[in-house]
C-alpha atoms as a PDB file:
ATOM      1  CA  UNK A   1     -25.182 -31.699  36.325  1.00  0.00           C
ATOM      2  CA  UNK A   2     -27.995 -29.402  37.381  1.00  0.00           C
ATOM      3  CA  UNK A   3     -31.423 -30.626  38.400  1.00  0.00           C
ATOM      4  CA  UNK A   4     -34.175 -30.331  35.804  1.00  0.00           C
ATOM      5  CA  UNK A   5     -37.822 -31.169  35.303  1.00  0.00           C
ATOM      6  CA  UNK A   6     -39.139 -32.346  31.966  1.00  0.00           C
ATOM      7  CA  UNK A   7     -42.729 -32.947  30.895  1.00  0.00           C
ATOM      8  CA  UNK A   8     -41.618 -33.903  27.393  1.00  0.00           C
ATOM      9  CA  UNK A   9     -38.255 -35.596  27.014  1.00  0.00           C
ATOM     10  CA  UNK A  10     -35.537 -33.102  26.112  1.00  0.00           C
ATOM     11  CA  UNK A  11     -37.436 -29.926  27.088  1.00  0.00           C
ATOM     12  CA  UNK A  12     -36.486 -28.493  30.493  1.00  0.00           C
ATOM     13  CA  UNK A  13     -39.360 -26.780  32.282  1.00  0.00           C
ATOM     14  CA  UNK A  14     -39.569 -24.255  35.117  1.00  0.00           C
ATOM     15  CA  UNK A  15     -42.216 -24.902  37.738  1.00  0.00           C
ATOM     16  CA  UNK A  16     -44.320 -21.852  38.548  1.00  0.00           C
ATOM     17  CA  UNK A  17     -45.116 -23.182  42.020  1.00  0.00           C
ATOM     18  CA  UNK A  18     -44.513 -26.303  44.113  1.00  0.00           C
ATOM     19  CA  UNK A  19     -46.669 -27.180  47.116  1.00  0.00           C
ATOM     20  CA  UNK A  20     -45.544 -29.958  49.437  1.00  0.00           C
ATOM     21  CA  UNK A  21     -47.617 -31.592  52.167  1.00  0.00           C
ATOM     22  CA  UNK A  22     -46.559 -34.343  54.556  1.00  0.00           C
ATOM     23  CA  UNK A  23     -48.642 -36.538  56.835  1.00  0.00           C
ATOM     24  CA  UNK A  24     -48.131 -36.186  60.584  1.00  0.00           C
ATOM     25  CA  UNK A  25     -46.505 -39.609  60.807  1.00  0.00           C
ATOM     26  CA  UNK A  26     -44.227 -38.811  57.846  1.00  0.00           C
ATOM     27  CA  UNK A  27     -45.205 -41.951  55.902  1.00  0.00           C
ATOM     28  CA  UNK A  28     -46.901 -40.172  53.021  1.00  0.00           C
ATOM     29  CA  UNK A  29     -46.094 -36.898  51.307  1.00  0.00           C
ATOM     30  CA  UNK A  30     -47.456 -35.201  48.209  1.00  0.00           C
ATOM     31  CA  UNK A  31     -45.784 -32.589  46.008  1.00  0.00           C
ATOM     32  CA  UNK A  32     -47.948 -30.641  43.556  1.00  0.00           C
ATOM     33  CA  UNK A  33     -46.048 -28.927  40.739  1.00  0.00           C
ATOM     34  CA  UNK A  34     -47.727 -26.155  38.738  1.00  0.00           C
ATOM     35  CA  UNK A  35     -46.543 -25.018  35.312  1.00  0.00           C
ATOM     36  CA  UNK A  36     -48.438 -21.936  34.052  1.00  0.00           C
ATOM     37  CA  UNK A  37     -46.824 -21.738  30.618  1.00  0.00           C
ATOM     38  CA  UNK A  38     -44.900 -24.960  29.962  1.00  0.00           C
ATOM     39  CA  UNK A  39     -42.473 -24.835  27.052  1.00  0.00           C
ATOM     40  CA  UNK A  40     -43.689 -28.214  25.804  1.00  0.00           C
ATOM     41  CA  UNK A  41     -47.182 -26.764  25.181  1.00  0.00           C
ATOM     42  CA  UNK A  42     -46.080 -23.614  23.361  1.00  0.00           C
ATOM     43  CA  UNK A  43     -44.212 -22.975  20.143  1.00  0.00           C
ATOM     44  CA  UNK A  44     -44.574 -24.478  16.708  1.00  0.00           C
ATOM     45  CA  UNK A  45     -43.822 -28.092  17.739  1.00  0.00           C
ATOM     46  CA  UNK A  46     -46.222 -28.102  20.705  1.00  0.00           C
ATOM     47  CA  UNK A  47     -48.823 -30.275  18.978  1.00  0.00           C
ATOM     48  CA  UNK A  48     -46.275 -33.047  18.365  1.00  0.00           C
ATOM     49  CA  UNK A  49     -44.924 -33.167  21.945  1.00  0.00           C
ATOM     50  CA  UNK A  50     -46.047 -36.119  24.034  1.00  0.00           C
ATOM     51  CA  UNK A  51     -46.500 -35.540  27.755  1.00  0.00           C
ATOM     52  CA  UNK A  52     -46.287 -38.986  29.334  1.00  0.00           C
ATOM     53  CA  UNK A  53     -45.247 -37.899  32.821  1.00  0.00           C
ATOM     54  CA  UNK A  54     -43.087 -35.538  34.801  1.00  0.00           C
ATOM     55  CA  UNK A  55     -39.404 -36.456  34.938  1.00  0.00           C
ATOM     56  CA  UNK A  56     -37.258 -35.045  37.761  1.00  0.00           C
ATOM     57  CA  UNK A  57     -33.633 -35.505  36.722  1.00  0.00           C
ATOM     58  CA  UNK A  58     -30.411 -34.876  38.642  1.00  0.00           C
ATOM     59  CA  UNK A  59     -27.021 -36.505  39.222  1.00  0.00           C
ATOM     60  CA  UNK A  60     -28.605 -39.262  41.346  1.00  0.00           C
ATOM     61  CA  UNK A  61     -30.876 -40.343  38.523  1.00  0.00           C
ATOM     62  CA  UNK A  62     -34.517 -39.832  37.700  1.00  0.00           C
ATOM     63  CA  UNK A  63     -37.837 -39.792  39.551  1.00  0.00           C
ATOM     64  CA  UNK A  64     -41.034 -40.079  37.519  1.00  0.00           C
ATOM     65  CA  UNK A  65     -44.698 -39.416  38.131  1.00  0.00           C
ATOM     66  CA  UNK A  66     -47.427 -40.226  35.626  1.00  0.00           C
ATOM     67  CA  UNK A  67     -50.063 -38.140  37.453  1.00  0.00           C
ATOM     68  CA  UNK A  68     -50.000 -35.153  35.087  1.00  0.00           C
ATOM     69  CA  UNK A  69     -53.054 -33.068  34.129  1.00  0.00           C
ATOM     70  CA  UNK A  70     -53.230 -30.354  31.469  1.00  0.00           C
ATOM     71  CA  UNK A  71     -55.622 -27.411  31.680  1.00  0.00           C
ATOM     72  CA  UNK A  72     -57.182 -25.810  28.607  1.00  0.00           C
ATOM     73  CA  UNK A  73     -59.184 -22.597  28.345  1.00  0.00           C
ATOM     74  CA  UNK A  74     -61.115 -21.986  25.112  1.00  0.00           C
ATOM     75  CA  UNK A  75     -59.117 -24.753  23.439  1.00  0.00           C
ATOM     76  CA  UNK A  76     -55.732 -23.259  24.305  1.00  0.00           C
ATOM     77  CA  UNK A  77     -53.189 -24.663  26.733  1.00  0.00           C
ATOM     78  CA  UNK A  78     -53.464 -22.975  30.128  1.00  0.00           C
ATOM     79  CA  UNK A  79     -51.006 -24.941  32.239  1.00  0.00           C
ATOM     80  CA  UNK A  80     -50.094 -28.279  33.730  1.00  0.00           C
ATOM     81  CA  UNK A  81     -50.419 -29.743  37.223  1.00  0.00           C
ATOM     82  CA  UNK A  82     -48.265 -32.739  38.171  1.00  0.00           C
ATOM     83  CA  UNK A  83     -48.702 -34.653  41.428  1.00  0.00           C
ATOM     84  CA  UNK A  84     -45.812 -36.661  42.861  1.00  0.00           C
ATOM     85  CA  UNK A  85     -46.583 -39.014  45.761  1.00  0.00           C
ATOM     86  CA  UNK A  86     -43.751 -39.837  48.142  1.00  0.00           C
ATOM     87  CA  UNK A  87     -43.856 -42.936  50.340  1.00  0.00           C
ATOM     88  CA  UNK A  88     -41.529 -43.413  53.303  1.00  0.00           C
ATOM     89  CA  UNK A  89     -38.480 -41.685  54.701  1.00  0.00           C
ATOM     90  CA  UNK A  90     -36.002 -42.833  52.044  1.00  0.00           C
ATOM     91  CA  UNK A  91     -38.115 -41.449  49.156  1.00  0.00           C
ATOM     92  CA  UNK A  92     -38.702 -38.245  51.157  1.00  0.00           C
ATOM     93  CA  UNK A  93     -34.956 -37.696  51.662  1.00  0.00           C
ATOM     94  CA  UNK A  94     -34.289 -38.361  47.958  1.00  0.00           C
ATOM     95  CA  UNK A  95     -37.030 -35.921  46.956  1.00  0.00           C
ATOM     96  CA  UNK A  96     -35.638 -33.208  49.254  1.00  0.00           C
ATOM     97  CA  UNK A  97     -32.152 -33.609  47.765  1.00  0.00           C
ATOM     98  CA  UNK A  98     -33.634 -33.194  44.280  1.00  0.00           C
ATOM     99  CA  UNK A  99     -35.711 -30.157  45.301  1.00  0.00           C
ATOM    100  CA  UNK A 100     -32.686 -28.450  46.884  1.00  0.00           C
ATOM    101  CA  UNK A 101     -30.740 -28.915  43.651  1.00  0.00           C
ATOM    102  CA  UNK A 102     -33.696 -27.821  41.519  1.00  0.00           C
ATOM    103  CA  UNK A 103     -34.336 -24.716  43.666  1.00  0.00           C
ATOM    104  CA  UNK A 104     -30.657 -23.771  43.484  1.00  0.00           C
ATOM    105  CA  UNK A 105     -30.600 -24.235  39.698  1.00  0.00           C
ATOM    106  CA  UNK A 106     -33.781 -22.181  39.155  1.00  0.00           C
ATOM    107  CA  UNK A 107     -33.562 -19.459  41.800  1.00  0.00           C
ATOM    108  CA  UNK A 108     -36.475 -20.768  43.828  1.00  0.00           C
ATOM    109  CA  UNK A 109     -36.944 -20.276  47.560  1.00  0.00           C
ATOM    110  CA  UNK A 110     -38.901 -21.925  50.384  1.00  0.00           C
ATOM    111  CA  UNK A 111     -41.950 -20.427  52.088  1.00  0.00           C
ATOM    112  CA  UNK A 112     -43.087 -22.330  55.172  1.00  0.00           C
ATOM    113  CA  UNK A 113     -46.753 -22.119  56.148  1.00  0.00           C
END
């Protein structure tokens, strides 16, 4: 099974960008996912798709965040931002395993600041 992200159940999305920050003590981390042209907001069925969260799915299971914001310009969908908060070392390790699988599945790379 490959790793996938869904904003609407059943529609796999490709993140345009992912920015990850981590506190100095490592207790709290935040990942911000950007989707410039999400599939769930385009096409003929876009108006009937419900975006209730961002679902990160892989062979270990599913992680969910409900902190999802859509952007509109002149009444048209202009992208989605989803924020996933990570608490503690165990959640951080799980998130990294997912991101490695997702990056491998979608040809993404890592740029360190």
